[in-house]
Amino acid sequence: MYDDNSHYKCTELYDQSIRLWTNTGYLNIGRTCFAASILPDGKLLISGGYDGINLTASAELYDSLTGRWINTTKMSWERWWHTLSQLTDVNVLALGGDYHFEPSTCELYNTSTGLWEPTGRLN
């Protein structure tokens, strides 16, 4: 059960074919209010969120083949309540969010390099 002082590290995977949840291990940094996107290689990218004390700019990748969460580079800004959108060029765009920065900022996760790049502002 969630309360305002909790944050999570435990993750689970849902298998629709058998309608069953299975434990997939633990995030390196527990968080709530993060964003997620499935990458073209099948990995799951999560970014930002709230770790129970502070907002975070950290990001992690889940590899279903190894069953492990690995850290990837941090975003330029701490974000929570933001979105991650998969683009047609296979990169991922982080949009908006709330709190320590102007929510109109955007940045791009380059799936080839694993780096975040600022892209400008929303109108």
C-alpha atoms as a PDB file:
ATOM      1  CA  MET A   1       0.000   0.000   0.000  1.00  0.00           C
ATOM      2  CA  TYR A   2       1.286   3.477  -0.878  1.00  0.00           C
ATOM      3  CA  ASP A   3       1.394   6.433   1.464  1.00  0.00           C
ATOM      4  CA  ASP A   4       3.006   9.839   1.043  1.00  0.00           C
ATOM      5  CA  ASN A   5       6.237   8.681   2.738  1.00  0.00           C
ATOM      6  CA  SER A   6       6.760   5.522   0.679  1.00  0.00           C
ATOM      7  CA  HIS A   7       8.825   4.824  -2.403  1.00  0.00           C
ATOM      8  CA  TYR A   8       9.312   1.619  -4.303  1.00  0.00           C
ATOM      9  CA  LYS A   9      12.181  -0.467  -5.616  1.00  0.00           C
ATOM     10  CA  CYS A  10      10.297  -3.710  -6.261  1.00  0.00           C
ATOM     11  CA  THR A  11       9.130  -4.271  -9.847  1.00  0.00           C
ATOM     12  CA  GLU A  12       6.848  -6.852 -11.408  1.00  0.00           C
ATOM     13  CA  LEU A  13       6.067  -8.047 -14.926  1.00  0.00           C
ATOM     14  CA  TYR A  14       2.564  -9.016 -16.054  1.00  0.00           C
ATOM     15  CA  ASP A  15       2.144 -11.930 -18.474  1.00  0.00           C
ATOM     16  CA  GLN A  16      -1.202 -11.452 -20.234  1.00  0.00           C
ATOM     17  CA  SER A  17      -1.275 -14.974 -21.625  1.00  0.00           C
ATOM     18  CA  ILE A  18      -1.379 -16.566 -18.178  1.00  0.00           C
ATOM     19  CA  ARG A  19      -2.651 -13.541 -16.237  1.00  0.00           C
ATOM     20  CA  LEU A  20       0.173 -13.681 -13.740  1.00  0.00           C
ATOM     21  CA  TRP A  21       2.490 -11.125 -12.131  1.00  0.00           C
ATOM     22  CA  THR A  22       6.122 -12.130 -11.487  1.00  0.00           C
ATOM     23  CA  ASN A  23       8.834 -10.289  -9.562  1.00  0.00           C
ATOM     24  CA  THR A  24      11.515  -8.812 -11.841  1.00  0.00           C
ATOM     25  CA  GLY A  25      13.905  -7.640  -9.156  1.00  0.00           C
ATOM     26  CA  TYR A  26      14.629  -4.229  -7.760  1.00  0.00           C
ATOM     27  CA  LEU A  27      15.322  -0.801  -9.190  1.00  0.00           C
ATOM     28  CA  ASN A  28      18.685   0.700  -8.276  1.00  0.00           C
ATOM     29  CA  ILE A  29      16.849   3.799  -7.036  1.00  0.00           C
ATOM     30  CA  GLY A  30      13.333   3.399  -5.648  1.00  0.00           C
ATOM     31  CA  ARG A  31      10.905   5.910  -7.103  1.00  0.00           C
ATOM     32  CA  THR A  32       7.319   6.905  -7.724  1.00  0.00           C
ATOM     33  CA  CYS A  33       5.818   9.305 -10.281  1.00  0.00           C
ATOM     34  CA  PHE A  34       8.356   8.297 -12.967  1.00  0.00           C
ATOM     35  CA  ALA A  35       7.861   7.804 -16.714  1.00  0.00           C
ATOM     36  CA  ALA A  36       8.513   4.676 -18.796  1.00  0.00           C
ATOM     37  CA  SER A  37       8.937   3.736 -22.451  1.00  0.00           C
ATOM     38  CA  ILE A  38       9.716   0.463 -24.221  1.00  0.00           C
ATOM     39  CA  LEU A  39      12.724   0.839 -26.528  1.00  0.00           C
ATOM     40  CA  PRO A  40      13.030  -0.757 -29.991  1.00  0.00           C
ATOM     41  CA  ASP A  41      15.438  -3.388 -28.589  1.00  0.00           C
ATOM     42  CA  GLY A  42      12.778  -4.470 -26.067  1.00  0.00           C
ATOM     43  CA  LYS A  43      14.389  -2.848 -23.026  1.00  0.00           C
ATOM     44  CA  LEU A  44      12.289  -0.689 -20.722  1.00  0.00           C
ATOM     45  CA  LEU A  45      13.552   2.838 -20.006  1.00  0.00           C
ATOM     46  CA  ILE A  46      12.359   4.583 -16.849  1.00  0.00           C
ATOM     47  CA  SER A  47      13.354   8.090 -15.841  1.00  0.00           C
ATOM     48  CA  GLY A  48      12.871  10.638 -13.131  1.00  0.00           C
ATOM     49  CA  GLY A  49      10.389  10.440 -10.312  1.00  0.00           C
ATOM     50  CA  TYR A  50      10.452  10.932  -6.570  1.00  0.00           C
ATOM     51  CA  ASP A  51      12.738   8.784  -4.396  1.00  0.00           C
ATOM     52  CA  GLY A  52      10.966   9.465  -1.101  1.00  0.00           C
ATOM     53  CA  ILE A  53      13.123  12.495  -0.268  1.00  0.00           C
ATOM     54  CA  ASN A  54      13.964  14.311  -3.514  1.00  0.00           C
ATOM     55  CA  LEU A  55      13.116  14.411  -7.165  1.00  0.00           C
ATOM     56  CA  THR A  56      15.574  12.504  -9.308  1.00  0.00           C
ATOM     57  CA  ALA A  57      17.064  12.889 -12.778  1.00  0.00           C
ATOM     58  CA  SER A  58      18.288   9.291 -12.771  1.00  0.00           C
ATOM     59  CA  ALA A  59      17.284   6.757 -15.413  1.00  0.00           C
ATOM     60  CA  GLU A  60      17.414   2.959 -15.592  1.00  0.00           C
ATOM     61  CA  LEU A  61      16.989   0.263 -18.219  1.00  0.00           C
ATOM     62  CA  TYR A  62      15.331  -3.117 -17.643  1.00  0.00           C
ATOM     63  CA  ASP A  63      16.588  -5.957 -19.808  1.00  0.00           C
ATOM     64  CA  SER A  64      14.058  -8.795 -19.850  1.00  0.00           C
ATOM     65  CA  LEU A  65      16.682 -11.191 -21.247  1.00  0.00           C
ATOM     66  CA  THR A  66      18.961 -10.780 -18.217  1.00  0.00           C
ATOM     67  CA  GLY A  67      16.253  -9.795 -15.726  1.00  0.00           C
ATOM     68  CA  ARG A  68      18.360  -6.870 -14.514  1.00  0.00           C
ATOM     69  CA  TRP A  69      17.933  -3.148 -14.000  1.00  0.00           C
ATOM     70  CA  ILE A  70      21.000  -1.124 -15.018  1.00  0.00           C
ATOM     71  CA  ASN A  71      21.676   2.577 -14.564  1.00  0.00           C
ATOM     72  CA  THR A  72      21.956   4.724 -17.653  1.00  0.00           C
ATOM     73  CA  THR A  73      22.914   8.409 -17.838  1.00  0.00           C
ATOM     74  CA  LYS A  74      20.928  10.974 -15.883  1.00  0.00           C
ATOM     75  CA  MET A  75      18.565  13.442 -17.516  1.00  0.00           C
ATOM     76  CA  SER A  76      19.517  17.115 -17.610  1.00  0.00           C
ATOM     77  CA  TRP A  77      16.702  18.029 -15.199  1.00  0.00           C
ATOM     78  CA  GLU A  78      15.022  16.332 -12.275  1.00  0.00           C
ATOM     79  CA  ARG A  79      11.507  15.437 -13.401  1.00  0.00           C
ATOM     80  CA  TRP A  80       8.386  13.800 -12.081  1.00  0.00           C
ATOM     81  CA  TRP A  81       4.920  13.465 -13.604  1.00  0.00           C
ATOM     82  CA  HIS A  82       6.547  13.795 -17.041  1.00  0.00           C
ATOM     83  CA  THR A  83       6.059  11.683 -20.147  1.00  0.00           C
ATOM     84  CA  LEU A  84       8.414   9.660 -22.322  1.00  0.00           C
ATOM     85  CA  SER A  85       7.431   9.408 -25.987  1.00  0.00           C
ATOM     86  CA  GLN A  86       9.016   6.976 -28.446  1.00  0.00           C
ATOM     87  CA  LEU A  87       9.888   8.778 -31.695  1.00  0.00           C
ATOM     88  CA  THR A  88      10.006   7.264 -35.173  1.00  0.00           C
ATOM     89  CA  ASP A  89      13.806   7.647 -35.253  1.00  0.00           C
ATOM     90  CA  VAL A  90      13.954   5.239 -32.235  1.00  0.00           C
ATOM     91  CA  ASN A  91      14.923   7.961 -29.751  1.00  0.00           C
ATOM     92  CA  VAL A  92      12.776   8.886 -26.739  1.00  0.00           C
ATOM     93  CA  LEU A  93      11.557  12.386 -25.889  1.00  0.00           C
ATOM     94  CA  ALA A  94      11.065  13.444 -22.245  1.00  0.00           C
ATOM     95  CA  LEU A  95       8.398  16.143 -22.005  1.00  0.00           C
ATOM     96  CA  GLY A  96       7.368  18.443 -19.214  1.00  0.00           C
ATOM     97  CA  GLY A  97       6.955  17.385 -15.638  1.00  0.00           C
ATOM     98  CA  ASP A  98       6.713  19.390 -12.469  1.00  0.00           C
ATOM     99  CA  TYR A  99       8.655  21.174  -9.746  1.00  0.00           C
ATOM    100  CA  HIS A 100      12.355  22.307  -9.798  1.00  0.00           C
ATOM    101  CA  PHE A 101      12.521  23.509 -13.381  1.00  0.00           C
ATOM    102  CA  GLU A 102      10.436  25.046 -16.086  1.00  0.00           C
ATOM    103  CA  PRO A 103       8.032  22.275 -17.117  1.00  0.00           C
ATOM    104  CA  SER A 104       8.272  23.425 -20.728  1.00  0.00           C
ATOM    105  CA  THR A 105      11.746  21.860 -21.084  1.00  0.00           C
ATOM    106  CA  CYS A 106      12.312  18.764 -23.210  1.00  0.00           C
ATOM    107  CA  GLU A 107      15.208  16.395 -23.718  1.00  0.00           C
ATOM    108  CA  LEU A 108      15.967  13.471 -25.972  1.00  0.00           C
ATOM    109  CA  TYR A 109      17.304  10.049 -24.933  1.00  0.00           C
ATOM    110  CA  ASN A 110      19.551   8.781 -27.708  1.00  0.00           C
ATOM    111  CA  THR A 111      19.092   4.999 -27.731  1.00  0.00           C
ATOM    112  CA  SER A 112      22.352   4.523 -29.666  1.00  0.00           C
ATOM    113  CA  THR A 113      24.588   6.432 -27.248  1.00  0.00           C
ATOM    114  CA  GLY A 114      22.563   6.180 -24.029  1.00  0.00           C
ATOM    115  CA  LEU A 115      22.868   9.946 -23.534  1.00  0.00           C
ATOM    116  CA  TRP A 116      20.247  12.627 -22.818  1.00  0.00           C
ATOM    117  CA  GLU A 117      20.360  15.791 -24.955  1.00  0.00           C
ATOM    118  CA  PRO A 118      18.388  19.010 -24.279  1.00  0.00           C
ATOM    119  CA  THR A 119      16.092  19.811 -27.223  1.00  0.00           C
ATOM    120  CA  GLY A 120      14.608  23.192 -26.390  1.00  0.00           C
ATOM    121  CA  ARG A 121      11.299  24.333 -24.969  1.00  0.00           C
ATOM    122  CA  LEU A 122       7.662  23.729 -25.690  1.00  0.00           C
ATOM    123  CA  ASN A 123       5.698  26.794 -26.813  1.00  0.00           C
END
